[in-house]
N, C-alpha and C. Protein backbone atom coordinates (compact mmCIF):
# COMPACT_ATOMS: atom_id res chain seq x y z
N MET A 1 68.40 64.33 -1.88
CA MET A 1 69.27 65.43 -1.52
C MET A 1 68.53 66.33 -0.53
N ALA A 2 69.20 66.67 0.54
CA ALA A 2 68.59 67.52 1.56
C ALA A 2 68.45 68.95 1.05
N PRO A 3 67.37 69.64 1.46
CA PRO A 3 67.21 71.03 1.02
C PRO A 3 68.26 71.91 1.66
N PRO A 4 68.56 73.06 1.04
CA PRO A 4 69.51 73.99 1.65
C PRO A 4 69.03 74.41 3.04
N CYS A 5 69.97 74.72 3.90
CA CYS A 5 69.65 75.11 5.27
C CYS A 5 70.24 76.47 5.58
N PHE A 6 69.43 77.33 6.17
CA PHE A 6 69.89 78.63 6.65
C PHE A 6 70.05 78.48 8.16
N ALA A 7 71.27 78.66 8.65
CA ALA A 7 71.55 78.48 10.07
C ALA A 7 71.81 79.82 10.73
N ASP A 8 71.15 80.05 11.84
CA ASP A 8 71.31 81.27 12.63
C ASP A 8 72.04 80.87 13.90
N CYS A 9 73.21 81.43 14.12
CA CYS A 9 74.02 81.07 15.28
C CYS A 9 74.25 82.30 16.14
N PRO A 10 73.38 82.53 17.12
CA PRO A 10 73.53 83.73 17.96
C PRO A 10 74.73 83.61 18.91
N SER A 11 75.17 84.77 19.40
CA SER A 11 76.32 84.77 20.29
C SER A 11 75.97 84.27 21.69
N HIS A 12 74.70 84.41 22.10
CA HIS A 12 74.24 83.86 23.38
C HIS A 12 72.74 83.56 23.24
N PRO A 13 72.17 82.74 24.10
CA PRO A 13 70.79 82.28 23.92
C PRO A 13 69.75 83.39 23.79
N ASP A 14 69.95 84.50 24.49
CA ASP A 14 68.96 85.58 24.46
C ASP A 14 69.35 86.70 23.51
N ALA A 15 70.27 86.45 22.60
CA ALA A 15 70.74 87.50 21.69
C ALA A 15 69.58 88.07 20.88
N GLY A 16 69.47 89.38 20.88
CA GLY A 16 68.45 90.05 20.09
C GLY A 16 67.10 90.16 20.75
N GLY A 17 66.87 89.39 21.80
CA GLY A 17 65.60 89.46 22.53
C GLY A 17 64.39 89.10 21.70
N GLU A 18 63.27 89.75 22.00
CA GLU A 18 61.99 89.46 21.34
C GLU A 18 62.04 89.78 19.84
N ARG A 19 62.74 90.86 19.48
CA ARG A 19 62.85 91.23 18.06
C ARG A 19 63.52 90.12 17.26
N ALA A 20 64.56 89.51 17.82
CA ALA A 20 65.27 88.44 17.12
C ALA A 20 64.38 87.21 16.96
N LEU A 21 63.59 86.91 17.97
CA LEU A 21 62.68 85.75 17.86
C LEU A 21 61.61 86.01 16.80
N ASN A 22 61.09 87.24 16.74
CA ASN A 22 60.12 87.58 15.70
C ASN A 22 60.76 87.51 14.31
N ALA A 23 61.99 88.01 14.21
CA ALA A 23 62.71 87.95 12.94
C ALA A 23 62.98 86.50 12.54
N ALA A 24 63.27 85.66 13.52
CA ALA A 24 63.53 84.25 13.23
C ALA A 24 62.29 83.58 12.65
N GLU A 25 61.12 83.93 13.17
CA GLU A 25 59.88 83.38 12.62
C GLU A 25 59.69 83.82 11.17
N ALA A 26 59.96 85.10 10.88
CA ALA A 26 59.81 85.61 9.52
C ALA A 26 60.82 84.94 8.57
N VAL A 27 62.04 84.76 9.04
CA VAL A 27 63.05 84.10 8.21
C VAL A 27 62.67 82.64 7.97
N ALA A 28 62.15 81.97 8.99
CA ALA A 28 61.72 80.58 8.82
C ALA A 28 60.62 80.47 7.78
N GLU A 29 59.67 81.41 7.80
CA GLU A 29 58.60 81.41 6.79
C GLU A 29 59.16 81.64 5.40
N ALA A 30 60.09 82.61 5.27
CA ALA A 30 60.70 82.89 3.97
C ALA A 30 61.49 81.69 3.47
N CYS A 31 62.21 81.04 4.36
CA CYS A 31 62.97 79.85 3.97
C CYS A 31 62.05 78.74 3.50
N ALA A 32 60.95 78.53 4.23
CA ALA A 32 59.98 77.49 3.84
C ALA A 32 59.40 77.79 2.47
N HIS A 33 59.14 79.06 2.21
CA HIS A 33 58.60 79.46 0.90
C HIS A 33 59.58 79.12 -0.23
N LEU A 34 60.88 79.20 0.06
CA LEU A 34 61.91 78.91 -0.93
C LEU A 34 62.29 77.43 -0.97
N GLY A 35 61.74 76.64 -0.06
CA GLY A 35 62.09 75.23 0.00
C GLY A 35 63.34 74.97 0.82
N TRP A 36 63.74 75.94 1.63
CA TRP A 36 64.89 75.80 2.50
C TRP A 36 64.42 75.45 3.91
N THR A 37 65.35 75.01 4.73
CA THR A 37 65.05 74.83 6.14
C THR A 37 65.77 75.93 6.93
N TYR A 38 65.25 76.22 8.10
CA TYR A 38 65.84 77.24 8.97
C TYR A 38 66.09 76.62 10.33
N GLN A 39 67.27 76.86 10.85
CA GLN A 39 67.61 76.37 12.19
C GLN A 39 68.26 77.48 12.98
N ARG A 40 67.79 77.68 14.20
CA ARG A 40 68.48 78.57 15.13
C ARG A 40 69.31 77.66 16.02
N LEU A 41 70.61 77.74 15.85
CA LEU A 41 71.53 76.86 16.54
C LEU A 41 71.84 77.37 17.94
N ALA A 42 72.26 76.47 18.78
CA ALA A 42 72.71 76.87 20.12
C ALA A 42 74.02 77.62 19.97
N PRO A 43 74.26 78.61 20.81
CA PRO A 43 75.53 79.34 20.73
C PRO A 43 76.71 78.41 20.98
N LEU A 44 77.85 78.79 20.42
CA LEU A 44 79.07 78.02 20.64
C LEU A 44 79.51 78.18 22.09
N GLY A 45 80.22 77.19 22.60
CA GLY A 45 80.80 77.30 23.92
C GLY A 45 81.84 78.41 23.94
N ASP A 46 82.10 78.96 25.11
CA ASP A 46 83.03 80.09 25.22
C ASP A 46 84.43 79.76 24.69
N ILE A 47 84.95 78.59 25.04
CA ILE A 47 86.30 78.22 24.61
C ILE A 47 86.34 78.01 23.10
N LEU A 48 85.37 77.28 22.56
CA LEU A 48 85.33 77.05 21.12
C LEU A 48 85.20 78.37 20.36
N ALA A 49 84.31 79.25 20.81
CA ALA A 49 84.12 80.54 20.15
C ALA A 49 85.41 81.36 20.18
N ALA A 50 86.08 81.38 21.32
CA ALA A 50 87.33 82.14 21.43
C ALA A 50 88.41 81.56 20.52
N ASN A 51 88.52 80.23 20.47
CA ASN A 51 89.52 79.60 19.61
C ASN A 51 89.24 79.87 18.14
N LEU A 52 87.99 79.78 17.72
CA LEU A 52 87.65 80.05 16.32
C LEU A 52 87.90 81.50 15.96
N LYS A 53 87.54 82.41 16.86
CA LYS A 53 87.77 83.83 16.61
C LYS A 53 89.27 84.10 16.47
N TRP A 54 90.07 83.47 17.31
CA TRP A 54 91.51 83.66 17.26
C TRP A 54 92.10 83.06 15.98
N LEU A 55 91.71 81.84 15.63
CA LEU A 55 92.22 81.21 14.40
C LEU A 55 91.79 81.97 13.15
N ALA A 56 90.62 82.61 13.20
CA ALA A 56 90.14 83.36 12.04
C ALA A 56 91.13 84.46 11.66
N GLY A 57 91.92 84.93 12.60
CA GLY A 57 92.92 85.93 12.30
C GLY A 57 94.03 85.42 11.39
N TYR A 58 94.10 84.13 11.17
CA TYR A 58 95.12 83.51 10.33
C TYR A 58 94.55 82.99 9.02
N ARG A 59 93.33 83.39 8.65
CA ARG A 59 92.70 82.85 7.45
C ARG A 59 93.26 83.43 6.16
N HIS A 60 93.86 84.61 6.20
CA HIS A 60 94.35 85.25 4.99
C HIS A 60 95.51 84.46 4.38
N PRO A 61 95.57 84.38 3.05
CA PRO A 61 96.64 83.61 2.39
C PRO A 61 98.05 84.02 2.76
N ARG A 62 98.25 85.27 3.19
CA ARG A 62 99.61 85.71 3.54
C ARG A 62 100.16 84.88 4.70
N ASN A 63 99.28 84.29 5.51
CA ASN A 63 99.74 83.50 6.65
C ASN A 63 100.21 82.10 6.26
N ALA A 64 100.00 81.72 5.01
CA ALA A 64 100.50 80.41 4.56
C ALA A 64 102.03 80.42 4.48
N GLY A 65 102.62 81.60 4.48
CA GLY A 65 104.08 81.70 4.50
C GLY A 65 104.71 81.64 3.12
N ARG A 66 106.01 81.59 3.13
CA ARG A 66 106.79 81.55 1.89
C ARG A 66 106.52 80.25 1.14
N PRO A 67 106.81 80.24 -0.16
CA PRO A 67 106.65 78.99 -0.92
C PRO A 67 107.46 77.87 -0.29
N GLY A 68 106.85 76.73 -0.16
CA GLY A 68 107.52 75.57 0.41
C GLY A 68 107.31 75.40 1.91
N LEU A 69 106.81 76.44 2.59
CA LEU A 69 106.62 76.32 4.03
C LEU A 69 105.42 75.44 4.37
N MET A 70 104.31 75.62 3.67
CA MET A 70 103.11 74.84 4.00
C MET A 70 103.33 73.33 3.84
N PRO A 71 103.97 72.87 2.75
CA PRO A 71 104.26 71.43 2.68
C PRO A 71 105.12 70.94 3.84
N ALA A 72 106.07 71.78 4.30
CA ALA A 72 106.90 71.38 5.44
C ALA A 72 106.06 71.28 6.71
N VAL A 73 105.11 72.21 6.87
CA VAL A 73 104.22 72.17 8.04
C VAL A 73 103.37 70.91 8.00
N LEU A 74 102.78 70.62 6.86
CA LEU A 74 101.92 69.44 6.74
C LEU A 74 102.71 68.15 6.94
N ASP A 75 103.94 68.12 6.44
CA ASP A 75 104.80 66.95 6.65
C ASP A 75 105.15 66.78 8.13
N ALA A 76 105.39 67.89 8.81
CA ALA A 76 105.74 67.82 10.24
C ALA A 76 104.60 67.24 11.06
N PHE A 77 103.37 67.39 10.57
CA PHE A 77 102.21 66.86 11.30
C PHE A 77 101.61 65.64 10.60
N ALA A 78 102.43 64.90 9.86
CA ALA A 78 101.95 63.67 9.24
C ALA A 78 101.46 62.70 10.32
N GLN A 79 102.09 62.77 11.49
CA GLN A 79 101.65 62.02 12.66
C GLN A 79 101.22 63.05 13.71
N PRO A 80 100.18 62.76 14.50
CA PRO A 80 99.76 63.72 15.53
C PRO A 80 100.91 64.05 16.47
N ARG A 81 101.03 65.35 16.79
CA ARG A 81 102.07 65.78 17.71
C ARG A 81 101.72 67.14 18.28
N PRO A 82 102.32 67.52 19.42
CA PRO A 82 102.07 68.84 20.01
C PRO A 82 102.48 69.96 19.02
N LEU A 83 101.79 71.09 19.10
CA LEU A 83 102.02 72.18 18.16
C LEU A 83 103.46 72.65 18.13
N LEU A 84 104.03 72.93 19.30
CA LEU A 84 105.40 73.46 19.30
C LEU A 84 106.41 72.45 18.78
N GLN A 85 106.21 71.20 19.10
CA GLN A 85 107.13 70.17 18.61
C GLN A 85 107.08 70.11 17.08
N GLY A 86 105.89 70.13 16.51
CA GLY A 86 105.75 70.12 15.06
C GLY A 86 106.27 71.39 14.41
N ALA A 87 106.03 72.53 15.06
CA ALA A 87 106.51 73.81 14.52
C ALA A 87 108.04 73.82 14.49
N GLU A 88 108.68 73.32 15.54
CA GLU A 88 110.14 73.27 15.57
C GLU A 88 110.68 72.30 14.53
N THR A 89 109.94 71.22 14.25
CA THR A 89 110.36 70.27 13.22
C THR A 89 110.32 70.92 11.84
N ALA A 90 109.31 71.77 11.60
CA ALA A 90 109.14 72.39 10.28
C ALA A 90 110.07 73.57 10.06
N GLY A 91 110.64 74.14 11.13
CA GLY A 91 111.52 75.30 10.97
C GLY A 91 111.47 76.19 12.19
N ASP A 92 111.73 77.48 11.98
CA ASP A 92 111.70 78.46 13.05
C ASP A 92 110.25 78.69 13.48
N PRO A 93 109.90 78.41 14.74
CA PRO A 93 108.51 78.55 15.17
C PRO A 93 107.91 79.93 14.91
N ILE A 94 108.73 80.98 14.95
CA ILE A 94 108.21 82.33 14.68
C ILE A 94 107.67 82.40 13.26
N GLU A 95 108.32 81.73 12.33
CA GLU A 95 107.86 81.71 10.94
C GLU A 95 106.78 80.65 10.72
N VAL A 96 106.88 79.53 11.40
CA VAL A 96 106.02 78.38 11.14
C VAL A 96 104.63 78.51 11.78
N LEU A 97 104.55 79.09 12.99
CA LEU A 97 103.26 79.12 13.69
C LEU A 97 102.14 79.80 12.91
N PRO A 98 102.35 80.95 12.25
CA PRO A 98 101.25 81.51 11.46
C PRO A 98 100.78 80.55 10.35
N ALA A 99 101.71 79.86 9.71
CA ALA A 99 101.33 78.89 8.68
C ALA A 99 100.57 77.72 9.29
N LEU A 100 100.99 77.29 10.48
CA LEU A 100 100.31 76.21 11.18
C LEU A 100 98.88 76.61 11.52
N PHE A 101 98.69 77.83 12.05
CA PHE A 101 97.35 78.28 12.39
C PHE A 101 96.51 78.47 11.13
N HIS A 102 97.14 78.89 10.03
CA HIS A 102 96.44 79.00 8.75
C HIS A 102 95.94 77.62 8.31
N ALA A 103 96.78 76.61 8.45
CA ALA A 103 96.38 75.24 8.09
C ALA A 103 95.25 74.74 8.98
N LEU A 104 95.27 75.11 10.26
CA LEU A 104 94.18 74.72 11.15
C LEU A 104 92.88 75.41 10.73
N TRP A 105 92.93 76.70 10.40
CA TRP A 105 91.73 77.41 9.98
C TRP A 105 91.14 76.79 8.71
N HIS A 106 92.00 76.42 7.77
CA HIS A 106 91.54 75.88 6.49
C HIS A 106 91.33 74.36 6.53
N ARG A 107 91.38 73.79 7.72
CA ARG A 107 91.11 72.37 7.95
C ARG A 107 92.06 71.45 7.19
N GLN A 108 93.27 71.92 6.94
CA GLN A 108 94.30 71.03 6.41
C GLN A 108 94.87 70.19 7.55
N LEU A 109 94.85 70.77 8.73
CA LEU A 109 95.19 70.08 9.97
C LEU A 109 94.02 70.29 10.92
N THR A 110 93.96 69.49 11.95
CA THR A 110 92.88 69.65 12.92
C THR A 110 93.41 69.47 14.33
N THR A 111 92.65 69.99 15.27
CA THR A 111 92.97 69.87 16.68
C THR A 111 91.66 69.96 17.46
N ASP A 112 91.71 69.72 18.74
CA ASP A 112 90.52 69.82 19.57
C ASP A 112 90.32 71.29 19.95
N LEU A 113 89.37 71.94 19.31
CA LEU A 113 89.13 73.37 19.55
C LEU A 113 88.30 73.62 20.80
N ASP A 114 87.89 72.57 21.48
CA ASP A 114 87.14 72.74 22.73
C ASP A 114 88.05 72.83 23.95
N THR A 115 89.37 72.77 23.72
CA THR A 115 90.31 72.94 24.83
C THR A 115 90.96 74.32 24.71
N PRO A 116 91.34 74.91 25.82
CA PRO A 116 91.98 76.23 25.74
C PRO A 116 93.20 76.20 24.82
N SER A 117 93.38 77.27 24.08
CA SER A 117 94.44 77.30 23.07
C SER A 117 95.77 77.77 23.64
N THR A 118 96.54 76.83 24.10
CA THR A 118 97.92 77.10 24.49
C THR A 118 98.79 76.15 23.69
N SER A 119 100.00 76.58 23.45
CA SER A 119 100.90 75.75 22.64
C SER A 119 101.17 74.41 23.31
N ARG A 120 101.00 74.33 24.61
CA ARG A 120 101.25 73.07 25.31
C ARG A 120 100.03 72.15 25.35
N SER A 121 98.83 72.71 25.19
CA SER A 121 97.64 71.88 25.31
C SER A 121 97.15 71.35 23.96
N TRP A 122 97.45 72.04 22.87
CA TRP A 122 96.97 71.60 21.57
C TRP A 122 97.97 70.68 20.90
N SER A 123 97.44 69.69 20.21
CA SER A 123 98.27 68.91 19.29
C SER A 123 97.50 68.85 17.99
N ALA A 124 98.21 68.79 16.89
CA ALA A 124 97.57 68.80 15.57
C ALA A 124 97.77 67.46 14.90
N ARG A 125 96.89 67.16 13.98
CA ARG A 125 96.95 65.92 13.22
C ARG A 125 96.40 66.18 11.83
N PRO A 126 96.73 65.34 10.87
CA PRO A 126 96.19 65.52 9.52
C PRO A 126 94.67 65.42 9.54
N ARG A 127 94.04 66.11 8.65
CA ARG A 127 92.59 66.12 8.59
C ARG A 127 92.03 64.72 8.36
N ALA A 128 92.71 63.89 7.62
CA ALA A 128 92.21 62.55 7.30
C ALA A 128 91.96 61.71 8.55
N GLU A 129 92.64 62.00 9.64
CA GLU A 129 92.46 61.22 10.87
C GLU A 129 91.31 61.71 11.72
N THR A 130 90.67 62.79 11.33
CA THR A 130 89.63 63.40 12.15
C THR A 130 88.32 62.64 12.02
N ALA A 131 87.64 62.46 13.12
CA ALA A 131 86.30 61.85 13.09
C ALA A 131 85.29 62.98 12.84
N TRP A 132 85.02 63.26 11.58
CA TRP A 132 84.10 64.34 11.22
C TRP A 132 82.67 63.88 11.34
N THR A 133 81.78 64.81 11.50
CA THR A 133 80.35 64.51 11.53
C THR A 133 79.72 65.08 10.28
N GLY A 134 78.48 64.78 10.08
CA GLY A 134 77.74 65.37 8.96
C GLY A 134 78.13 64.73 7.64
N ARG A 135 78.24 65.57 6.61
CA ARG A 135 78.47 65.07 5.25
C ARG A 135 79.76 64.29 5.13
N GLU A 136 80.83 64.75 5.79
CA GLU A 136 82.09 64.05 5.68
C GLU A 136 81.98 62.64 6.25
N ALA A 137 81.25 62.47 7.34
CA ALA A 137 81.10 61.16 7.96
C ALA A 137 80.28 60.23 7.06
N ALA A 138 79.40 60.79 6.26
CA ALA A 138 78.58 59.99 5.36
C ALA A 138 79.33 59.64 4.08
N GLY A 139 80.59 60.06 3.99
CA GLY A 139 81.38 59.74 2.82
C GLY A 139 81.30 60.79 1.73
N GLU A 140 80.53 61.85 1.94
CA GLU A 140 80.44 62.90 0.94
C GLU A 140 81.62 63.84 1.09
N ARG A 141 82.07 64.37 -0.02
CA ARG A 141 83.12 65.37 0.01
C ARG A 141 82.49 66.74 0.15
N PRO A 142 83.10 67.64 0.94
CA PRO A 142 82.55 68.98 1.02
C PRO A 142 82.62 69.66 -0.34
N ALA A 143 81.73 70.62 -0.57
CA ALA A 143 81.69 71.32 -1.84
C ALA A 143 83.03 71.98 -2.11
N GLN A 144 83.51 71.85 -3.32
CA GLN A 144 84.77 72.46 -3.72
C GLN A 144 84.50 73.73 -4.50
N ARG A 145 85.36 74.71 -4.37
CA ARG A 145 85.24 75.92 -5.15
C ARG A 145 85.67 75.65 -6.57
N PRO A 146 85.06 76.34 -7.54
CA PRO A 146 85.54 76.20 -8.92
C PRO A 146 86.99 76.65 -9.02
N ALA A 147 87.70 76.10 -9.99
CA ALA A 147 89.10 76.48 -10.17
C ALA A 147 89.21 77.98 -10.36
N GLY A 148 90.13 78.58 -9.68
CA GLY A 148 90.35 80.02 -9.80
C GLY A 148 89.48 80.86 -8.89
N ALA A 149 88.49 80.25 -8.21
CA ALA A 149 87.62 81.02 -7.33
C ALA A 149 88.37 81.38 -6.07
N GLN A 150 88.09 82.55 -5.56
CA GLN A 150 88.74 82.99 -4.33
C GLN A 150 87.70 83.06 -3.25
N GLY A 151 88.09 82.71 -2.03
CA GLY A 151 87.17 82.76 -0.91
C GLY A 151 87.07 84.15 -0.32
N ARG A 152 86.11 84.33 0.55
CA ARG A 152 85.94 85.62 1.22
C ARG A 152 87.19 85.91 2.03
N GLY A 153 87.62 87.13 2.00
CA GLY A 153 88.82 87.51 2.71
C GLY A 153 90.04 87.51 1.83
N SER A 154 90.01 86.79 0.70
CA SER A 154 91.14 86.80 -0.21
C SER A 154 90.76 87.50 -1.52
N ARG A 155 89.52 87.93 -1.63
CA ARG A 155 89.04 88.57 -2.85
C ARG A 155 89.42 90.05 -2.79
N PRO A 156 90.06 90.58 -3.86
CA PRO A 156 90.39 92.00 -3.83
C PRO A 156 89.12 92.85 -3.90
N LEU A 157 89.14 93.95 -3.18
CA LEU A 157 88.01 94.86 -3.21
C LEU A 157 88.03 95.64 -4.51
N PRO A 158 86.85 96.01 -5.03
CA PRO A 158 86.83 96.76 -6.29
C PRO A 158 87.45 98.14 -6.11
N ARG A 159 88.09 98.62 -7.17
CA ARG A 159 88.70 99.94 -7.14
C ARG A 159 87.62 100.98 -7.43
N ARG A 160 87.75 102.15 -6.87
CA ARG A 160 86.84 103.25 -7.16
C ARG A 160 87.58 104.55 -6.97
N GLU A 161 87.04 105.60 -7.52
CA GLU A 161 87.63 106.92 -7.34
C GLU A 161 87.08 107.51 -6.06
N VAL A 162 87.93 108.16 -5.30
CA VAL A 162 87.51 108.83 -4.09
C VAL A 162 87.77 110.32 -4.26
N ALA A 163 87.39 111.09 -3.27
CA ALA A 163 87.55 112.54 -3.34
C ALA A 163 88.97 112.91 -3.76
N GLY A 164 89.09 113.87 -4.64
CA GLY A 164 90.40 114.30 -5.10
C GLY A 164 90.90 113.50 -6.28
N GLY A 165 90.08 112.57 -6.82
CA GLY A 165 90.46 111.80 -7.99
C GLY A 165 91.46 110.69 -7.72
N ARG A 166 91.76 110.42 -6.45
CA ARG A 166 92.69 109.35 -6.13
C ARG A 166 91.97 108.01 -6.14
N PRO A 167 92.66 106.94 -6.54
CA PRO A 167 92.01 105.63 -6.44
C PRO A 167 91.91 105.21 -4.98
N GLY A 168 90.87 104.50 -4.65
CA GLY A 168 90.68 104.02 -3.29
C GLY A 168 90.09 102.63 -3.32
N ARG A 169 89.73 102.13 -2.19
CA ARG A 169 89.09 100.83 -2.08
C ARG A 169 87.65 101.02 -1.66
N ALA A 170 86.76 100.28 -2.29
CA ALA A 170 85.35 100.36 -1.93
C ALA A 170 85.18 99.99 -0.47
N GLY A 171 84.37 100.75 0.22
CA GLY A 171 84.10 100.45 1.62
C GLY A 171 85.10 101.07 2.59
N HIS A 172 86.14 101.72 2.07
CA HIS A 172 87.12 102.35 2.93
C HIS A 172 87.10 103.85 2.65
N PRO A 173 86.87 104.67 3.66
CA PRO A 173 86.82 106.11 3.42
C PRO A 173 88.21 106.63 3.06
N PRO A 174 88.26 107.69 2.29
CA PRO A 174 89.57 108.25 1.95
C PRO A 174 90.22 108.85 3.19
N HIS A 175 91.52 108.87 3.20
CA HIS A 175 92.25 109.47 4.32
C HIS A 175 92.14 110.98 4.21
N ARG A 176 91.82 111.63 5.29
CA ARG A 176 91.74 113.08 5.32
C ARG A 176 92.81 113.58 6.28
N PRO A 177 93.83 114.23 5.76
CA PRO A 177 94.89 114.71 6.65
C PRO A 177 94.32 115.61 7.73
N GLY A 178 94.85 115.47 8.92
CA GLY A 178 94.44 116.30 10.03
C GLY A 178 93.25 115.76 10.80
N ARG A 179 92.64 114.72 10.32
CA ARG A 179 91.50 114.11 11.03
C ARG A 179 91.93 112.81 11.66
N ARG A 180 91.48 112.57 12.85
CA ARG A 180 91.79 111.32 13.52
C ARG A 180 90.83 110.24 13.05
N ARG A 181 91.35 109.05 12.97
CA ARG A 181 90.50 107.92 12.57
C ARG A 181 89.99 107.22 13.78
């Protein structure tokens, strides 16, 4: 079994300058002490980074749509097809596209993220048809969450009392009337 890996993925090759390189050395030493490996990865290409950042906006469960919509989306893409054609097959594209992008983010469907993201240039296909690299290519299944576990972004924030005795959300300042945010 391979040791755990800590991956550092900077936004550009010179991100952080000399301080970041010194920090990387310290992190590599700490990882080695723990039996982990450390890798500073090459930055993502501009198109891939932009596409991932955009799709990340659809990661929240609310984008999966109404009950029954996601199965219709997955059925529409049982065979590879252009995004708009599949969205129209599954229903009203205004309703279907957020669910489609949610499925792409969660790797239920896949597309070539190295091409610019336009509805005419992307086509989606079931994940099973994807030529994955790494663990999936070796026949290993990716780690599954325990039943009932929620991923980051879907976990409710803890409740706390804020000024005035009102309940609030941790990490969010209370609203103060008359002050601009």
